[in-house]
Amino acid sequence: MSAVAQRTTAVSRMVGELRQLGGLKNVDLANIVGVSPPTVHRWSKGQGSPTIEKQQVIAELRWVAERLSDFYEPDEARLWLQTGHPQLDGEKPYDLINEDRTAEVLEIIDRLESGVFL
């Protein structure tokens, strides 16, 4: 058994939900928020905490992953988040989320929801 106990924190829950809903791995989340995979692993265990800015990105990414889970399996959602999207001028949804442009990503998901595919 590990000498360091696992704690449940808001961040550790969000990291777990990003795995479950968005199919994201520690390395994916690390690349998105600009930290190392071991740092994400520590967060997932409730050890340490990201900056407020990184917490915001994680929370928004989690919200987007939850919305995507209505349409895609986790591995498909992961690919959707990491691939340039034609309705976003070829930009990757996770880059926009990282740039505080989550509303643009959510607009695309709203179009999926309403059946409008441009």
N, C-alpha and C. Protein backbone atom coordinates (compact mmCIF):
# COMPACT_ATOMS: atom_id res chain seq x y z
N MET A 1 0.84 -1.17 0.00
CA MET A 1 0.00 0.00 0.00
C MET A 1 0.89 1.24 0.00
N SER A 2 0.46 2.26 -0.71
CA SER A 2 1.23 3.48 -0.85
C SER A 2 1.32 4.22 0.48
N ALA A 3 2.47 4.86 0.69
CA ALA A 3 2.66 5.65 1.91
C ALA A 3 1.84 6.93 1.87
N VAL A 4 1.48 7.39 0.67
CA VAL A 4 0.69 8.62 0.52
C VAL A 4 -0.74 8.22 0.18
N ALA A 5 -1.64 8.63 1.03
CA ALA A 5 -3.05 8.28 0.83
C ALA A 5 -3.65 9.09 -0.32
N GLN A 6 -4.61 8.48 -1.00
CA GLN A 6 -5.31 9.18 -2.06
C GLN A 6 -6.44 9.99 -1.46
N ARG A 7 -6.53 11.24 -1.86
CA ARG A 7 -7.61 12.12 -1.42
C ARG A 7 -8.50 12.43 -2.61
N THR A 8 -9.75 12.62 -2.32
CA THR A 8 -10.66 13.04 -3.37
C THR A 8 -10.81 14.56 -3.28
N THR A 9 -10.50 15.21 -4.39
CA THR A 9 -10.63 16.66 -4.49
C THR A 9 -11.46 16.96 -5.73
N ALA A 10 -11.87 18.20 -5.88
CA ALA A 10 -12.61 18.59 -7.08
C ALA A 10 -11.78 18.31 -8.32
N VAL A 11 -10.50 18.62 -8.26
CA VAL A 11 -9.63 18.40 -9.42
C VAL A 11 -9.47 16.91 -9.70
N SER A 12 -9.27 16.10 -8.65
CA SER A 12 -9.11 14.66 -8.89
C SER A 12 -10.38 14.07 -9.49
N ARG A 13 -11.54 14.55 -9.07
CA ARG A 13 -12.80 14.07 -9.67
C ARG A 13 -12.89 14.48 -11.14
N MET A 14 -12.52 15.73 -11.44
CA MET A 14 -12.60 16.19 -12.83
C MET A 14 -11.64 15.40 -13.72
N VAL A 15 -10.43 15.12 -13.23
CA VAL A 15 -9.47 14.34 -14.01
C VAL A 15 -10.06 12.95 -14.28
N GLY A 16 -10.66 12.33 -13.28
CA GLY A 16 -11.30 11.03 -13.47
C GLY A 16 -12.44 11.09 -14.47
N GLU A 17 -13.24 12.15 -14.39
CA GLU A 17 -14.36 12.30 -15.33
C GLU A 17 -13.86 12.55 -16.75
N LEU A 18 -12.73 13.25 -16.89
CA LEU A 18 -12.17 13.45 -18.22
C LEU A 18 -11.70 12.13 -18.82
N ARG A 19 -11.21 11.23 -17.98
CA ARG A 19 -10.85 9.89 -18.46
C ARG A 19 -12.11 9.14 -18.89
N GLN A 20 -13.11 9.19 -18.03
CA GLN A 20 -14.33 8.41 -18.26
C GLN A 20 -15.14 8.97 -19.43
N LEU A 21 -15.40 10.27 -19.44
CA LEU A 21 -16.27 10.86 -20.45
C LEU A 21 -15.55 11.20 -21.75
N GLY A 22 -14.31 11.69 -21.61
CA GLY A 22 -13.59 12.17 -22.78
C GLY A 22 -12.48 11.27 -23.26
N GLY A 23 -12.28 10.15 -22.58
CA GLY A 23 -11.24 9.23 -22.99
C GLY A 23 -9.83 9.79 -22.86
N LEU A 24 -9.67 10.91 -22.15
CA LEU A 24 -8.36 11.54 -22.05
C LEU A 24 -7.44 10.79 -21.09
N LYS A 25 -6.21 10.71 -21.47
CA LYS A 25 -5.18 10.07 -20.65
C LYS A 25 -4.39 11.18 -19.95
N ASN A 26 -3.60 10.80 -18.96
CA ASN A 26 -2.79 11.80 -18.26
C ASN A 26 -1.93 12.60 -19.23
N VAL A 27 -1.34 11.93 -20.21
CA VAL A 27 -0.48 12.62 -21.16
C VAL A 27 -1.29 13.63 -21.98
N ASP A 28 -2.54 13.31 -22.32
CA ASP A 28 -3.38 14.23 -23.07
C ASP A 28 -3.64 15.49 -22.25
N LEU A 29 -4.08 15.28 -21.03
CA LEU A 29 -4.39 16.42 -20.17
C LEU A 29 -3.13 17.23 -19.88
N ALA A 30 -2.00 16.55 -19.69
CA ALA A 30 -0.73 17.24 -19.46
C ALA A 30 -0.39 18.14 -20.66
N ASN A 31 -0.55 17.61 -21.86
CA ASN A 31 -0.26 18.40 -23.06
C ASN A 31 -1.21 19.58 -23.19
N ILE A 32 -2.46 19.38 -22.84
CA ILE A 32 -3.46 20.45 -22.97
C ILE A 32 -3.16 21.59 -22.00
N VAL A 33 -2.86 21.29 -20.75
CA VAL A 33 -2.67 22.36 -19.76
C VAL A 33 -1.21 22.74 -19.56
N GLY A 34 -0.29 22.05 -20.24
CA GLY A 34 1.11 22.44 -20.19
C GLY A 34 1.87 22.04 -18.94
N VAL A 35 1.63 20.81 -18.49
CA VAL A 35 2.37 20.27 -17.34
C VAL A 35 2.86 18.87 -17.72
N SER A 36 3.56 18.22 -16.80
CA SER A 36 4.04 16.86 -17.08
C SER A 36 2.97 15.83 -16.72
N PRO A 37 3.00 14.66 -17.37
CA PRO A 37 2.06 13.59 -17.01
C PRO A 37 2.13 13.21 -15.52
N PRO A 38 3.32 13.16 -14.90
CA PRO A 38 3.34 12.85 -13.46
C PRO A 38 2.59 13.89 -12.61
N THR A 39 2.59 15.14 -13.06
CA THR A 39 1.84 16.17 -12.34
C THR A 39 0.35 15.87 -12.40
N VAL A 40 -0.14 15.50 -13.58
CA VAL A 40 -1.56 15.15 -13.72
C VAL A 40 -1.87 13.92 -12.86
N HIS A 41 -0.95 12.97 -12.82
CA HIS A 41 -1.15 11.78 -11.98
C HIS A 41 -1.30 12.19 -10.52
N ARG A 42 -0.46 13.09 -10.05
CA ARG A 42 -0.58 13.56 -8.66
C ARG A 42 -1.92 14.24 -8.43
N TRP A 43 -2.35 15.07 -9.37
CA TRP A 43 -3.67 15.72 -9.23
C TRP A 43 -4.77 14.68 -9.14
N SER A 44 -4.67 13.62 -9.95
CA SER A 44 -5.71 12.58 -9.96
C SER A 44 -5.78 11.85 -8.63
N LYS A 45 -4.67 11.88 -7.89
CA LYS A 45 -4.61 11.24 -6.57
C LYS A 45 -4.93 12.22 -5.45
N GLY A 46 -5.29 13.47 -5.82
CA GLY A 46 -5.61 14.47 -4.81
C GLY A 46 -4.38 15.07 -4.16
N GLN A 47 -3.24 14.92 -4.82
CA GLN A 47 -1.98 15.44 -4.28
C GLN A 47 -1.58 16.67 -5.08
N GLY A 48 -1.54 17.79 -4.43
CA GLY A 48 -1.21 19.02 -5.13
C GLY A 48 -2.42 19.56 -5.86
N SER A 49 -2.26 20.75 -6.38
CA SER A 49 -3.37 21.40 -7.06
C SER A 49 -2.84 22.31 -8.16
N PRO A 50 -3.53 22.32 -9.29
CA PRO A 50 -3.11 23.21 -10.37
C PRO A 50 -3.43 24.67 -10.04
N THR A 51 -2.84 25.56 -10.80
CA THR A 51 -3.16 26.98 -10.65
C THR A 51 -4.64 27.20 -10.97
N ILE A 52 -5.14 28.33 -10.56
CA ILE A 52 -6.55 28.67 -10.84
C ILE A 52 -6.81 28.64 -12.35
N GLU A 53 -5.87 29.16 -13.15
CA GLU A 53 -6.04 29.17 -14.60
C GLU A 53 -6.14 27.75 -15.15
N LYS A 54 -5.29 26.87 -14.67
CA LYS A 54 -5.32 25.47 -15.13
C LYS A 54 -6.59 24.78 -14.64
N GLN A 55 -7.02 25.10 -13.43
CA GLN A 55 -8.27 24.53 -12.91
C GLN A 55 -9.44 24.95 -13.80
N GLN A 56 -9.43 26.18 -14.26
CA GLN A 56 -10.50 26.66 -15.14
C GLN A 56 -10.50 25.89 -16.45
N VAL A 57 -9.33 25.68 -17.03
CA VAL A 57 -9.24 24.92 -18.28
C VAL A 57 -9.74 23.49 -18.05
N ILE A 58 -9.33 22.87 -16.95
CA ILE A 58 -9.76 21.50 -16.65
C ILE A 58 -11.28 21.45 -16.49
N ALA A 59 -11.85 22.43 -15.78
CA ALA A 59 -13.30 22.46 -15.57
C ALA A 59 -14.05 22.64 -16.88
N GLU A 60 -13.56 23.52 -17.74
CA GLU A 60 -14.23 23.75 -19.02
C GLU A 60 -14.07 22.54 -19.94
N LEU A 61 -12.90 21.94 -19.91
CA LEU A 61 -12.67 20.73 -20.70
C LEU A 61 -13.60 19.61 -20.23
N ARG A 62 -13.78 19.50 -18.94
CA ARG A 62 -14.68 18.50 -18.38
C ARG A 62 -16.13 18.76 -18.83
N TRP A 63 -16.54 20.03 -18.85
CA TRP A 63 -17.89 20.39 -19.29
C TRP A 63 -18.08 20.01 -20.76
N VAL A 64 -17.10 20.31 -21.58
CA VAL A 64 -17.17 19.95 -23.00
C VAL A 64 -17.22 18.43 -23.16
N ALA A 65 -16.39 17.71 -22.41
CA ALA A 65 -16.39 16.24 -22.50
C ALA A 65 -17.74 15.67 -22.10
N GLU A 66 -18.36 16.27 -21.08
CA GLU A 66 -19.70 15.80 -20.68
C GLU A 66 -20.70 16.01 -21.80
N ARG A 67 -20.65 17.18 -22.44
CA ARG A 67 -21.56 17.45 -23.56
C ARG A 67 -21.31 16.48 -24.71
N LEU A 68 -20.04 16.21 -25.01
CA LEU A 68 -19.70 15.29 -26.10
C LEU A 68 -20.15 13.87 -25.81
N SER A 69 -20.22 13.50 -24.53
CA SER A 69 -20.59 12.13 -24.17
C SER A 69 -22.01 11.79 -24.61
N ASP A 70 -22.82 12.79 -24.93
CA ASP A 70 -24.17 12.54 -25.46
C ASP A 70 -24.11 12.04 -26.90
N PHE A 71 -22.99 12.28 -27.58
CA PHE A 71 -22.88 11.96 -29.00
C PHE A 71 -21.81 10.93 -29.33
N TYR A 72 -20.77 10.85 -28.49
CA TYR A 72 -19.61 10.04 -28.81
C TYR A 72 -19.19 9.15 -27.65
N GLU A 73 -18.58 8.03 -28.00
CA GLU A 73 -17.91 7.19 -27.02
C GLU A 73 -16.64 7.92 -26.57
N PRO A 74 -16.09 7.58 -25.40
CA PRO A 74 -14.92 8.30 -24.91
C PRO A 74 -13.76 8.40 -25.89
N ASP A 75 -13.42 7.31 -26.59
CA ASP A 75 -12.30 7.38 -27.52
C ASP A 75 -12.60 8.30 -28.71
N GLU A 76 -13.87 8.37 -29.11
CA GLU A 76 -14.27 9.28 -30.18
C GLU A 76 -14.23 10.74 -29.70
N ALA A 77 -14.66 10.96 -28.46
CA ALA A 77 -14.62 12.31 -27.89
C ALA A 77 -13.18 12.80 -27.80
N ARG A 78 -12.27 11.91 -27.40
CA ARG A 78 -10.84 12.25 -27.31
C ARG A 78 -10.34 12.70 -28.68
N LEU A 79 -10.66 11.95 -29.70
CA LEU A 79 -10.24 12.29 -31.05
C LEU A 79 -10.86 13.62 -31.49
N TRP A 80 -12.14 13.82 -31.18
CA TRP A 80 -12.84 15.06 -31.54
C TRP A 80 -12.15 16.26 -30.90
N LEU A 81 -11.77 16.14 -29.65
CA LEU A 81 -11.12 17.24 -28.94
C LEU A 81 -9.73 17.56 -29.49
N GLN A 82 -9.05 16.56 -30.05
CA GLN A 82 -7.65 16.72 -30.44
C GLN A 82 -7.44 16.92 -31.93
N THR A 83 -8.52 16.99 -32.69
CA THR A 83 -8.41 17.10 -34.14
C THR A 83 -8.92 18.45 -34.60
N GLY A 84 -8.22 19.03 -35.56
CA GLY A 84 -8.69 20.28 -36.14
C GLY A 84 -10.10 20.10 -36.70
N HIS A 85 -10.97 21.05 -36.40
CA HIS A 85 -12.37 20.95 -36.79
C HIS A 85 -12.68 21.96 -37.88
N PRO A 86 -13.35 21.52 -38.96
CA PRO A 86 -13.64 22.44 -40.06
C PRO A 86 -14.51 23.63 -39.64
N GLN A 87 -15.40 23.44 -38.67
CA GLN A 87 -16.25 24.55 -38.23
C GLN A 87 -15.53 25.49 -37.27
N LEU A 88 -14.28 25.13 -36.94
CA LEU A 88 -13.46 26.00 -36.09
C LEU A 88 -12.22 26.47 -36.88
N ASP A 89 -12.39 26.58 -38.20
CA ASP A 89 -11.30 26.99 -39.09
C ASP A 89 -10.06 26.12 -38.92
N GLY A 90 -10.29 24.83 -38.70
CA GLY A 90 -9.20 23.88 -38.59
C GLY A 90 -8.51 23.86 -37.23
N GLU A 91 -8.98 24.67 -36.30
CA GLU A 91 -8.37 24.68 -34.97
C GLU A 91 -8.86 23.50 -34.15
N LYS A 92 -8.03 23.09 -33.20
CA LYS A 92 -8.38 21.97 -32.33
C LYS A 92 -9.22 22.47 -31.16
N PRO A 93 -10.32 21.78 -30.87
CA PRO A 93 -11.17 22.23 -29.76
C PRO A 93 -10.42 22.42 -28.45
N TYR A 94 -9.47 21.52 -28.12
CA TYR A 94 -8.80 21.69 -26.84
C TYR A 94 -7.90 22.93 -26.83
N ASP A 95 -7.39 23.35 -27.99
CA ASP A 95 -6.61 24.59 -28.03
C ASP A 95 -7.51 25.79 -27.74
N LEU A 96 -8.70 25.77 -28.29
CA LEU A 96 -9.64 26.87 -28.04
C LEU A 96 -10.03 26.92 -26.57
N ILE A 97 -10.26 25.77 -25.97
CA ILE A 97 -10.60 25.72 -24.55
C ILE A 97 -9.45 26.31 -23.74
N ASN A 98 -8.25 25.99 -24.11
CA ASN A 98 -7.06 26.49 -23.42
C ASN A 98 -6.89 28.00 -23.60
N GLU A 99 -7.46 28.54 -24.66
CA GLU A 99 -7.38 29.98 -24.96
C GLU A 99 -8.60 30.73 -24.46
N ASP A 100 -9.39 30.11 -23.58
CA ASP A 100 -10.60 30.73 -23.03
C ASP A 100 -11.63 31.05 -24.12
N ARG A 101 -11.72 30.14 -25.10
CA ARG A 101 -12.67 30.28 -26.21
C ARG A 101 -13.62 29.08 -26.23
N THR A 102 -13.97 28.59 -25.04
CA THR A 102 -14.83 27.42 -24.91
C THR A 102 -16.19 27.64 -25.56
N ALA A 103 -16.69 28.86 -25.53
CA ALA A 103 -18.01 29.15 -26.11
C ALA A 103 -18.06 28.74 -27.58
N GLU A 104 -16.96 28.92 -28.31
CA GLU A 104 -16.92 28.53 -29.72
C GLU A 104 -17.05 27.02 -29.89
N VAL A 105 -16.42 26.28 -28.99
CA VAL A 105 -16.50 24.82 -29.02
C VAL A 105 -17.91 24.37 -28.69
N LEU A 106 -18.50 25.00 -27.68
CA LEU A 106 -19.86 24.63 -27.28
C LEU A 106 -20.88 24.94 -28.38
N GLU A 107 -20.62 25.97 -29.18
CA GLU A 107 -21.52 26.27 -30.31
C GLU A 107 -21.56 25.10 -31.30
N ILE A 108 -20.39 24.49 -31.54
CA ILE A 108 -20.33 23.34 -32.46
C ILE A 108 -21.12 22.17 -31.88
N ILE A 109 -20.97 21.96 -30.57
CA ILE A 109 -21.71 20.87 -29.92
C ILE A 109 -23.21 21.15 -29.95
N ASP A 110 -23.59 22.42 -29.78
CA ASP A 110 -25.01 22.79 -29.88
C ASP A 110 -25.56 22.45 -31.26
N ARG A 111 -24.73 22.63 -32.29
CA ARG A 111 -25.17 22.27 -33.64
C ARG A 111 -25.37 20.77 -33.78
N LEU A 112 -24.51 20.00 -33.13
CA LEU A 112 -24.71 18.54 -33.12
C LEU A 112 -26.03 18.20 -32.47
N GLU A 113 -26.30 18.88 -31.37
CA GLU A 113 -27.51 18.62 -30.61
C GLU A 113 -28.77 18.95 -31.40
N SER A 114 -28.69 20.02 -32.17
CA SER A 114 -29.88 20.44 -32.94
C SER A 114 -29.94 19.77 -34.30
N GLY A 115 -28.91 18.99 -34.64
CA GLY A 115 -28.92 18.28 -35.92
C GLY A 115 -28.45 19.13 -37.07
N VAL A 116 -27.85 20.30 -36.79
CA VAL A 116 -27.36 21.18 -37.83
C VAL A 116 -25.88 20.90 -38.04
N PHE A 117 -25.53 20.44 -39.22
CA PHE A 117 -24.14 20.16 -39.54
C PHE A 117 -23.74 21.02 -40.72
N LEU A 118 -22.93 22.02 -40.45
CA LEU A 118 -22.50 22.95 -41.51
C LEU A 118 -21.20 22.48 -42.13
